[in-house]
Amino acid sequence: MLSTKSLTGRVPAERVRSLTINRVGADVLARISQLEDLTGNLSDAMDQLGLVGALPASELKPTLSGRRLVGQAVTVRNVERSGSPYVNAQSGIGKMGEHEAYNLAEPGDVVVIEGLHGVSNMGGQSATLAARSGCAGAVIDGGYRDPEASRDCDFPIWARGVTPVTGKWRLETMEINGAVRIGGIAVSAGDVVAADDAGVVFIPFEHVEAVLKEAERIDGGDRKQKSDIANGIDLATLAQTKYK
């Protein structure tokens, strides 16, 4: 797919690995969204297929309770910046470049940031820009700040935690739409991201169809089991029934 977008210049052009990402069909994302236990069913499906991609909410905490997120990843890799925050602040030059990911994102994409812990990898104005650009949410292996701003614009974030410490003088964006690691899990631009109150699941692009098929099978069994419980099926029958 050719891109008609121009770079913003927030990071050197050679750090942008791709202007576009591989796309799954909108119908596929819609089917994933219809899973009743979104991240649970996907995690179970990936276990069945020998894939690793789930992180609990105890590691990446959701900022907006009750939200469900399904989209494709646009990625950002941040590293610690050289020099002291004081010296860097005196230079007046910030090296955060997550805005370039928003620029390249399509509506519904999820910003996935490999970042620094205890430091803000996304501030309030940055989150507002991401929302304005049509991004559906963000997953940050690191900190973010100004939680009121992201809540005010209804932009969900899953992150290590909140911090008042700016990343502007402490980190540098090294790569956009390349490979990142989130909680030790390898994530590439274009992978599918699903998140809810339980945590986050990353599905490699090349395995999306297989994972979805298995998750739908598991979901069907869960729905049947839930129905049987609601209908008063006795415990002995429930115990002997294979639902998934």
C-alpha atoms as a PDB file:
ATOM      1  CA  MET A   1       0.000   0.000   0.000  1.00  0.00           C
ATOM      2  CA  LEU A   2       1.357   3.420  -0.960  1.00  0.00           C
ATOM      3  CA  SER A   3       1.129   6.268   1.518  1.00  0.00           C
ATOM      4  CA  THR A   4       0.255   9.834   0.599  1.00  0.00           C
ATOM      5  CA  LYS A   5       1.260  11.136   4.026  1.00  0.00           C
ATOM      6  CA  SER A   6       4.249  13.373   4.604  1.00  0.00           C
ATOM      7  CA  LEU A   7       6.459  13.049   7.656  1.00  0.00           C
ATOM      8  CA  THR A   8       6.255  15.728  10.331  1.00  0.00           C
ATOM      9  CA  GLY A   9       9.986  15.806  10.966  1.00  0.00           C
ATOM     10  CA  ARG A  10       9.599  15.023  14.660  1.00  0.00           C
ATOM     11  CA  VAL A  11      12.172  12.233  14.217  1.00  0.00           C
ATOM     12  CA  PRO A  12      14.805  11.762  11.498  1.00  0.00           C
ATOM     13  CA  ALA A  13      13.254  10.158   8.427  1.00  0.00           C
ATOM     14  CA  GLU A  14      15.569   7.137   8.641  1.00  0.00           C
ATOM     15  CA  ARG A  15      14.029   6.226  11.993  1.00  0.00           C
ATOM     16  CA  VAL A  16      10.620   5.693  10.393  1.00  0.00           C
ATOM     17  CA  ARG A  17      10.708   2.049   9.330  1.00  0.00           C
ATOM     18  CA  SER A  18       7.498   2.163   7.332  1.00  0.00           C
ATOM     19  CA  LEU A  19       4.935   4.756   6.307  1.00  0.00           C
ATOM     20  CA  THR A  20       2.226   2.075   6.198  1.00  0.00           C
ATOM     21  CA  ILE A  21       1.404  -1.159   7.998  1.00  0.00           C
ATOM     22  CA  ASN A  22      -0.085  -4.418   6.762  1.00  0.00           C
ATOM     23  CA  ARG A  23      -3.839  -4.347   7.177  1.00  0.00           C
ATOM     24  CA  VAL A  24      -6.332  -6.960   8.319  1.00  0.00           C
ATOM     25  CA  GLY A  25      -9.907  -6.657   7.156  1.00  0.00           C
ATOM     26  CA  ALA A  26     -12.371  -4.525   9.093  1.00  0.00           C
ATOM     27  CA  ASP A  27     -14.554  -7.635   9.384  1.00  0.00           C
ATOM     28  CA  VAL A  28     -11.757  -9.462  11.203  1.00  0.00           C
ATOM     29  CA  LEU A  29     -11.390  -6.671  13.757  1.00  0.00           C
ATOM     30  CA  ALA A  30     -15.169  -6.602  14.186  1.00  0.00           C
ATOM     31  CA  ARG A  31     -15.267 -10.351  14.865  1.00  0.00           C
ATOM     32  CA  ILE A  32     -12.519 -10.012  17.459  1.00  0.00           C
ATOM     33  CA  SER A  33     -14.468  -7.198  19.118  1.00  0.00           C
ATOM     34  CA  GLN A  34     -17.506  -9.486  19.429  1.00  0.00           C
ATOM     35  CA  LEU A  35     -15.693 -12.003  21.652  1.00  0.00           C
ATOM     36  CA  GLU A  36     -17.458 -11.972  25.005  1.00  0.00           C
ATOM     37  CA  ASP A  37     -14.337 -12.427  27.146  1.00  0.00           C
ATOM     38  CA  LEU A  38     -12.079 -10.455  24.836  1.00  0.00           C
ATOM     39  CA  THR A  39      -8.552 -10.858  26.193  1.00  0.00           C
ATOM     40  CA  GLY A  40      -9.319 -14.086  28.050  1.00  0.00           C
ATOM     41  CA  ASN A  41     -10.525 -15.914  24.956  1.00  0.00           C
ATOM     42  CA  LEU A  42      -7.659 -14.568  22.857  1.00  0.00           C
ATOM     43  CA  SER A  43      -5.109 -15.562  25.499  1.00  0.00           C
ATOM     44  CA  ASP A  44      -6.575 -19.080  25.660  1.00  0.00           C
ATOM     45  CA  ALA A  45      -6.520 -19.333  21.873  1.00  0.00           C
ATOM     46  CA  MET A  46      -2.882 -18.318  21.736  1.00  0.00           C
ATOM     47  CA  ASP A  47      -2.049 -20.937  24.381  1.00  0.00           C
ATOM     48  CA  GLN A  48      -3.633 -23.561  22.128  1.00  0.00           C
ATOM     49  CA  LEU A  49      -1.507 -22.364  19.206  1.00  0.00           C
ATOM     50  CA  GLY A  50       1.755 -22.073  21.128  1.00  0.00           C
ATOM     51  CA  LEU A  51       1.888 -18.291  20.893  1.00  0.00           C
ATOM     52  CA  VAL A  52       2.873 -15.821  23.622  1.00  0.00           C
ATOM     53  CA  GLY A  53       1.241 -12.408  23.662  1.00  0.00           C
ATOM     54  CA  ALA A  54      -0.799 -11.694  26.794  1.00  0.00           C
ATOM     55  CA  LEU A  55      -0.001  -9.286  29.625  1.00  0.00           C
ATOM     56  CA  PRO A  56      -2.153  -8.871  32.758  1.00  0.00           C
ATOM     57  CA  ALA A  57      -3.640  -5.592  33.932  1.00  0.00           C
ATOM     58  CA  SER A  58      -1.406  -5.850  37.001  1.00  0.00           C
ATOM     59  CA  GLU A  59       1.443  -4.955  34.606  1.00  0.00           C
ATOM     60  CA  LEU A  60      -0.339  -2.630  32.182  1.00  0.00           C
ATOM     61  CA  LYS A  61      -3.154  -0.866  34.013  1.00  0.00           C
ATOM     62  CA  PRO A  62      -6.165   0.556  32.147  1.00  0.00           C
ATOM     63  CA  THR A  63      -6.983   4.210  32.711  1.00  0.00           C
ATOM     64  CA  LEU A  64     -10.670   3.918  31.791  1.00  0.00           C
ATOM     65  CA  SER A  65     -12.612   1.142  33.495  1.00  0.00           C
ATOM     66  CA  GLY A  66     -14.880  -1.001  31.352  1.00  0.00           C
ATOM     67  CA  ARG A  67     -13.273  -0.098  28.047  1.00  0.00           C
ATOM     68  CA  ARG A  68     -12.512  -2.641  25.302  1.00  0.00           C
ATOM     69  CA  LEU A  69      -9.987  -1.914  22.585  1.00  0.00           C
ATOM     70  CA  VAL A  70      -9.268  -3.728  19.308  1.00  0.00           C
ATOM     71  CA  GLY A  71      -7.014  -2.264  16.611  1.00  0.00           C
ATOM     72  CA  GLN A  72      -3.693  -2.535  14.838  1.00  0.00           C
ATOM     73  CA  ALA A  73      -0.411  -1.359  16.288  1.00  0.00           C
ATOM     74  CA  VAL A  74       1.550   1.680  15.214  1.00  0.00           C
ATOM     75  CA  THR A  75       4.753   1.421  17.201  1.00  0.00           C
ATOM     76  CA  VAL A  76       7.158   3.767  18.960  1.00  0.00           C
ATOM     77  CA  ARG A  77      10.489   2.801  20.541  1.00  0.00           C
ATOM     78  CA  ASN A  78      11.921   5.177  23.112  1.00  0.00           C
ATOM     79  CA  VAL A  79      15.305   4.954  24.828  1.00  0.00           C
ATOM     80  CA  GLU A  80      16.968   6.893  27.617  1.00  0.00           C
ATOM     81  CA  ARG A  81      18.449  10.129  26.344  1.00  0.00           C
ATOM     82  CA  SER A  82      22.067  10.974  27.026  1.00  0.00           C
ATOM     83  CA  GLY A  83      22.902  13.968  29.199  1.00  0.00           C
ATOM     84  CA  SER A  84      21.276  15.248  32.366  1.00  0.00           C
ATOM     85  CA  PRO A  85      17.678  16.490  32.309  1.00  0.00           C
ATOM     86  CA  TYR A  86      18.946  19.913  33.385  1.00  0.00           C
ATOM     87  CA  VAL A  87      21.428  20.235  30.524  1.00  0.00           C
ATOM     88  CA  ASN A  88      18.881  18.891  28.033  1.00  0.00           C
ATOM     89  CA  ALA A  89      16.253  21.318  29.291  1.00  0.00           C
ATOM     90  CA  GLN A  90      18.652  24.237  28.842  1.00  0.00           C
ATOM     91  CA  SER A  91      19.073  23.218  25.200  1.00  0.00           C
ATOM     92  CA  GLY A  92      15.321  23.573  24.675  1.00  0.00           C
ATOM     93  CA  ILE A  93      15.398  20.630  22.268  1.00  0.00           C
ATOM     94  CA  GLY A  94      12.975  17.783  22.927  1.00  0.00           C
ATOM     95  CA  LYS A  95      13.527  14.419  21.276  1.00  0.00           C
ATOM     96  CA  MET A  96      10.181  12.744  21.827  1.00  0.00           C
ATOM     97  CA  GLY A  97       8.685  11.683  18.516  1.00  0.00           C
ATOM     98  CA  GLU A  98       5.442   9.799  19.215  1.00  0.00           C
ATOM     99  CA  HIS A  99       3.549  12.442  17.195  1.00  0.00           C
ATOM    100  CA  GLU A 100       4.971  10.851  14.052  1.00  0.00           C
ATOM    101  CA  ALA A 101       3.113   7.640  14.887  1.00  0.00           C
ATOM    102  CA  TYR A 102      -0.137   9.590  15.191  1.00  0.00           C
ATOM    103  CA  ASN A 103       0.596  11.189  11.840  1.00  0.00           C
ATOM    104  CA  LEU A 104       0.985   7.795  10.157  1.00  0.00           C
ATOM    105  CA  ALA A 105      -1.888   6.098  11.956  1.00  0.00           C
ATOM    106  CA  GLU A 106      -5.247   5.357  10.400  1.00  0.00           C
ATOM    107  CA  PRO A 107      -8.466   5.766  12.405  1.00  0.00           C
ATOM    108  CA  GLY A 108      -8.798   2.925  14.904  1.00  0.00           C
ATOM    109  CA  ASP A 109      -5.071   2.175  15.195  1.00  0.00           C
ATOM    110  CA  VAL A 110      -3.480   1.678  18.614  1.00  0.00           C
ATOM    111  CA  VAL A 111      -0.278   3.473  19.634  1.00  0.00           C
ATOM    112  CA  VAL A 112       2.123   0.926  21.174  1.00  0.00           C
ATOM    113  CA  ILE A 113       5.128   2.447  22.944  1.00  0.00           C
ATOM    114  CA  GLU A 114       8.214   0.722  24.287  1.00  0.00           C
ATOM    115  CA  GLY A 115       9.204   3.359  26.780  1.00  0.00           C
ATOM    116  CA  LEU A 116      10.846   4.310  30.039  1.00  0.00           C
ATOM    117  CA  HIS A 117       9.380   3.402  33.407  1.00  0.00           C
ATOM    118  CA  GLY A 118       8.671   6.253  35.816  1.00  0.00           C
ATOM    119  CA  VAL A 119       8.942   8.780  32.999  1.00  0.00           C
ATOM    120  CA  SER A 120       6.169  10.182  30.827  1.00  0.00           C
ATOM    121  CA  ASN A 121       6.165   8.694  27.342  1.00  0.00           C
ATOM    122  CA  MET A 122       2.860  10.442  26.568  1.00  0.00           C
ATOM    123  CA  GLY A 123       1.674  13.687  28.085  1.00  0.00           C
ATOM    124  CA  GLY A 124      -1.809  15.125  28.156  1.00  0.00           C
ATOM    125  CA  GLN A 125      -1.463  17.212  25.000  1.00  0.00           C
ATOM    126  CA  SER A 126       0.107  14.243  23.238  1.00  0.00           C
ATOM    127  CA  ALA A 127      -2.815  12.004  24.216  1.00  0.00           C
ATOM    128  CA  THR A 128      -5.227  14.676  22.995  1.00  0.00           C
ATOM    129  CA  LEU A 129      -3.442  14.791  19.639  1.00  0.00           C
ATOM    130  CA  ALA A 130      -3.545  10.990  19.382  1.00  0.00           C
ATOM    131  CA  ALA A 131      -7.285  11.050  19.985  1.00  0.00           C
ATOM    132  CA  ARG A 132      -7.752  13.875  17.477  1.00  0.00           C
ATOM    133  CA  SER A 133      -5.815  11.842  14.916  1.00  0.00           C
ATOM    134  CA  GLY A 134      -8.280   8.966  15.287  1.00  0.00           C
ATOM    135  CA  CYS A 135      -6.123   6.611  17.331  1.00  0.00           C
ATOM    136  CA  ALA A 136      -8.306   4.311  19.435  1.00  0.00           C
ATOM    137  CA  GLY A 137      -5.993   4.183  22.442  1.00  0.00           C
ATOM    138  CA  ALA A 138      -2.455   3.500  23.591  1.00  0.00           C
ATOM    139  CA  VAL A 139      -0.435   0.758  25.253  1.00  0.00           C
ATOM    140  CA  ILE A 140       2.708   2.026  26.977  1.00  0.00           C
ATOM    141  CA  ASP A 141       5.434  -0.066  28.557  1.00  0.00           C
ATOM    142  CA  GLY A 142       6.374   2.884  30.721  1.00  0.00           C
ATOM    143  CA  GLY A 143       4.751   5.892  32.296  1.00  0.00           C
ATOM    144  CA  TYR A 144       2.413   8.633  31.106  1.00  0.00           C
ATOM    145  CA  ARG A 145       1.214  11.834  32.727  1.00  0.00           C
ATOM    146  CA  ASP A 146      -1.703  14.277  32.972  1.00  0.00           C
ATOM    147  CA  PRO A 147      -4.328  11.509  33.281  1.00  0.00           C
ATOM    148  CA  GLU A 148      -7.138  14.055  33.386  1.00  0.00           C
ATOM    149  CA  ALA A 149      -6.401  15.072  29.790  1.00  0.00           C
ATOM    150  CA  SER A 150      -6.651  11.563  28.372  1.00  0.00           C
ATOM    151  CA  ARG A 151      -9.801  10.899  30.390  1.00  0.00           C
ATOM    152  CA  ASP A 152     -11.354  14.170  29.238  1.00  0.00           C
ATOM    153  CA  CYS A 153     -10.913  13.207  25.581  1.00  0.00           C
ATOM    154  CA  ASP A 154     -12.052   9.615  26.257  1.00  0.00           C
ATOM    155  CA  PHE A 155      -8.696   8.198  25.180  1.00  0.00           C
ATOM    156  CA  PRO A 156      -7.940   4.882  26.934  1.00  0.00           C
ATOM    157  CA  ILE A 157      -4.359   4.047  27.914  1.00  0.00           C
ATOM    158  CA  TRP A 158      -2.878   0.837  29.296  1.00  0.00           C
ATOM    159  CA  ALA A 159       0.441   1.664  30.972  1.00  0.00           C
ATOM    160  CA  ARG A 160       2.852   0.929  33.813  1.00  0.00           C
ATOM    161  CA  GLY A 161       1.560   3.914  35.737  1.00  0.00           C
ATOM    162  CA  VAL A 162       1.201   7.664  36.050  1.00  0.00           C
ATOM    163  CA  THR A 163       4.102  10.025  36.685  1.00  0.00           C
ATOM    164  CA  PRO A 164       4.663  13.781  36.912  1.00  0.00           C
ATOM    165  CA  VAL A 165       8.174  13.383  35.456  1.00  0.00           C
ATOM    166  CA  THR A 166       8.420  14.603  31.876  1.00  0.00           C
ATOM    167  CA  GLY A 167      10.113  12.510  29.238  1.00  0.00           C
ATOM    168  CA  LYS A 168      10.894  15.589  27.157  1.00  0.00           C
ATOM    169  CA  TRP A 169      14.416  15.885  28.550  1.00  0.00           C
ATOM    170  CA  ARG A 170      14.885  12.227  29.482  1.00  0.00           C
ATOM    171  CA  LEU A 171      14.065  10.080  26.479  1.00  0.00           C
ATOM    172  CA  GLU A 172      14.594   9.943  22.756  1.00  0.00           C
ATOM    173  CA  THR A 173      12.426   8.273  20.127  1.00  0.00           C
ATOM    174  CA  MET A 174      14.614   5.925  18.103  1.00  0.00           C
ATOM    175  CA  GLU A 175      12.117   4.181  15.871  1.00  0.00           C
ATOM    176  CA  ILE A 176       8.603   4.483  14.480  1.00  0.00           C
ATOM    177  CA  ASN A 177       6.718   1.473  13.055  1.00  0.00           C
ATOM    178  CA  GLY A 178       9.521  -0.928  13.815  1.00  0.00           C
ATOM    179  CA  ALA A 179       9.772  -3.802  16.285  1.00  0.00           C
ATOM    180  CA  VAL A 180       9.215  -3.109  19.993  1.00  0.00           C
ATOM    181  CA  ARG A 181       9.089  -5.183  23.163  1.00  0.00           C
ATOM    182  CA  ILE A 182       6.223  -4.689  25.581  1.00  0.00           C
ATOM    183  CA  GLY A 183       6.594  -6.543  28.860  1.00  0.00           C
ATOM    184  CA  GLY A 184       9.088  -8.814  27.137  1.00  0.00           C
ATOM    185  CA  ILE A 185       6.705  -9.596  24.252  1.00  0.00           C
ATOM    186  CA  ALA A 186       7.822  -8.803  20.710  1.00  0.00           C
ATOM    187  CA  VAL A 187       5.328  -6.570  18.884  1.00  0.00           C
ATOM    188  CA  SER A 188       5.552  -5.386  15.278  1.00  0.00           C
ATOM    189  CA  ALA A 189       3.700  -2.593  13.544  1.00  0.00           C
ATOM    190  CA  GLY A 190       0.488  -4.058  12.135  1.00  0.00           C
ATOM    191  CA  ASP A 191       0.007  -6.651  14.869  1.00  0.00           C
ATOM    192  CA  VAL A 192      -3.482  -6.707  16.346  1.00  0.00           C
ATOM    193  CA  VAL A 193      -3.900  -5.286  19.850  1.00  0.00           C
ATOM    194  CA  ALA A 194      -6.804  -6.213  22.119  1.00  0.00           C
ATOM    195  CA  ALA A 195      -7.240  -4.775  25.606  1.00  0.00           C
ATOM    196  CA  ASP A 196      -9.810  -4.655  28.373  1.00  0.00           C
ATOM    197  CA  ASP A 197      -9.965  -4.551  32.172  1.00  0.00           C
ATOM    198  CA  ALA A 198      -8.083  -7.859  32.378  1.00  0.00           C
ATOM    199  CA  GLY A 199      -5.045  -6.756  30.384  1.00  0.00           C
ATOM    200  CA  VAL A 200      -3.615  -6.639  26.877  1.00  0.00           C
ATOM    201  CA  VAL A 201      -3.096  -9.249  24.153  1.00  0.00           C
ATOM    202  CA  PHE A 202      -0.876  -8.804  21.094  1.00  0.00           C
ATOM    203  CA  ILE A 203      -1.625 -11.050  18.106  1.00  0.00           C
ATOM    204  CA  PRO A 204       1.113 -11.344  15.461  1.00  0.00           C
ATOM    205  CA  PHE A 205      -0.227 -10.209  12.092  1.00  0.00           C
ATOM    206  CA  GLU A 206       0.536 -13.529  10.406  1.00  0.00           C
ATOM    207  CA  HIS A 207      -1.445 -15.485  13.031  1.00  0.00           C
ATOM    208  CA  VAL A 208      -4.543 -13.304  13.327  1.00  0.00           C
ATOM    209  CA  GLU A 209      -6.867 -15.584  11.343  1.00  0.00           C
ATOM    210  CA  ALA A 210      -5.808 -18.726  13.209  1.00  0.00           C
ATOM    211  CA  VAL A 211      -6.076 -17.050  16.615  1.00  0.00           C
ATOM    212  CA  LEU A 212      -9.484 -15.616  15.797  1.00  0.00           C
ATOM    213  CA  LYS A 213     -10.835 -18.979  14.608  1.00  0.00           C
ATOM    214  CA  GLU A 214      -9.690 -20.680  17.815  1.00  0.00           C
ATOM    215  CA  ALA A 215     -10.943 -17.815  19.997  1.00  0.00           C
ATOM    216  CA  GLU A 216     -14.383 -17.990  18.390  1.00  0.00           C
ATOM    217  CA  ARG A 217     -14.503 -21.730  19.126  1.00  0.00           C
ATOM    218  CA  ILE A 218     -13.618 -21.064  22.767  1.00  0.00           C
ATOM    219  CA  ASP A 219     -16.085 -18.187  22.932  1.00  0.00           C
ATOM    220  CA  GLY A 220     -18.874 -20.437  21.670  1.00  0.00           C
ATOM    221  CA  GLY A 221     -18.134 -22.973  24.393  1.00  0.00           C
ATOM    222  CA  ASP A 222     -18.083 -20.248  27.047  1.00  0.00           C
ATOM    223  CA  ARG A 223     -21.452 -18.924  25.915  1.00  0.00           C
ATOM    224  CA  LYS A 224     -22.988 -22.432  26.000  1.00  0.00           C
ATOM    225  CA  GLN A 225     -21.575 -23.069  29.473  1.00  0.00           C
ATOM    226  CA  LYS A 226     -22.882 -19.740  30.727  1.00  0.00           C
ATOM    227  CA  SER A 227     -26.313 -20.546  29.315  1.00  0.00           C
ATOM    228  CA  ASP A 228     -26.347 -23.981  30.956  1.00  0.00           C
ATOM    229  CA  ILE A 229     -25.397 -22.469  34.325  1.00  0.00           C
ATOM    230  CA  ALA A 230     -28.120 -19.835  33.996  1.00  0.00           C
ATOM    231  CA  ASN A 231     -30.652 -22.531  33.083  1.00  0.00           C
ATOM    232  CA  GLY A 232     -29.903 -24.535  36.224  1.00  0.00           C
ATOM    233  CA  ILE A 233     -28.126 -27.533  34.697  1.00  0.00           C
ATOM    234  CA  ASP A 234     -26.961 -29.723  37.569  1.00  0.00           C
ATOM    235  CA  LEU A 235     -23.306 -29.679  38.653  1.00  0.00           C
ATOM    236  CA  ALA A 236     -22.664 -33.302  37.692  1.00  0.00           C
ATOM    237  CA  THR A 237     -23.774 -32.659  34.108  1.00  0.00           C
ATOM    238  CA  LEU A 238     -21.789 -29.432  33.932  1.00  0.00           C
ATOM    239  CA  ALA A 239     -18.673 -31.208  35.172  1.00  0.00           C
ATOM    240  CA  GLN A 240     -18.996 -33.929  32.551  1.00  0.00           C
ATOM    241  CA  THR A 241     -19.705 -31.612  29.614  1.00  0.00           C
ATOM    242  CA  LYS A 242     -16.817 -30.542  27.389  1.00  0.00           C
ATOM    243  CA  TYR A 243     -17.452 -26.950  26.408  1.00  0.00           C
ATOM    244  CA  LYS A 244     -14.142 -26.072  24.821  1.00  0.00           C
END
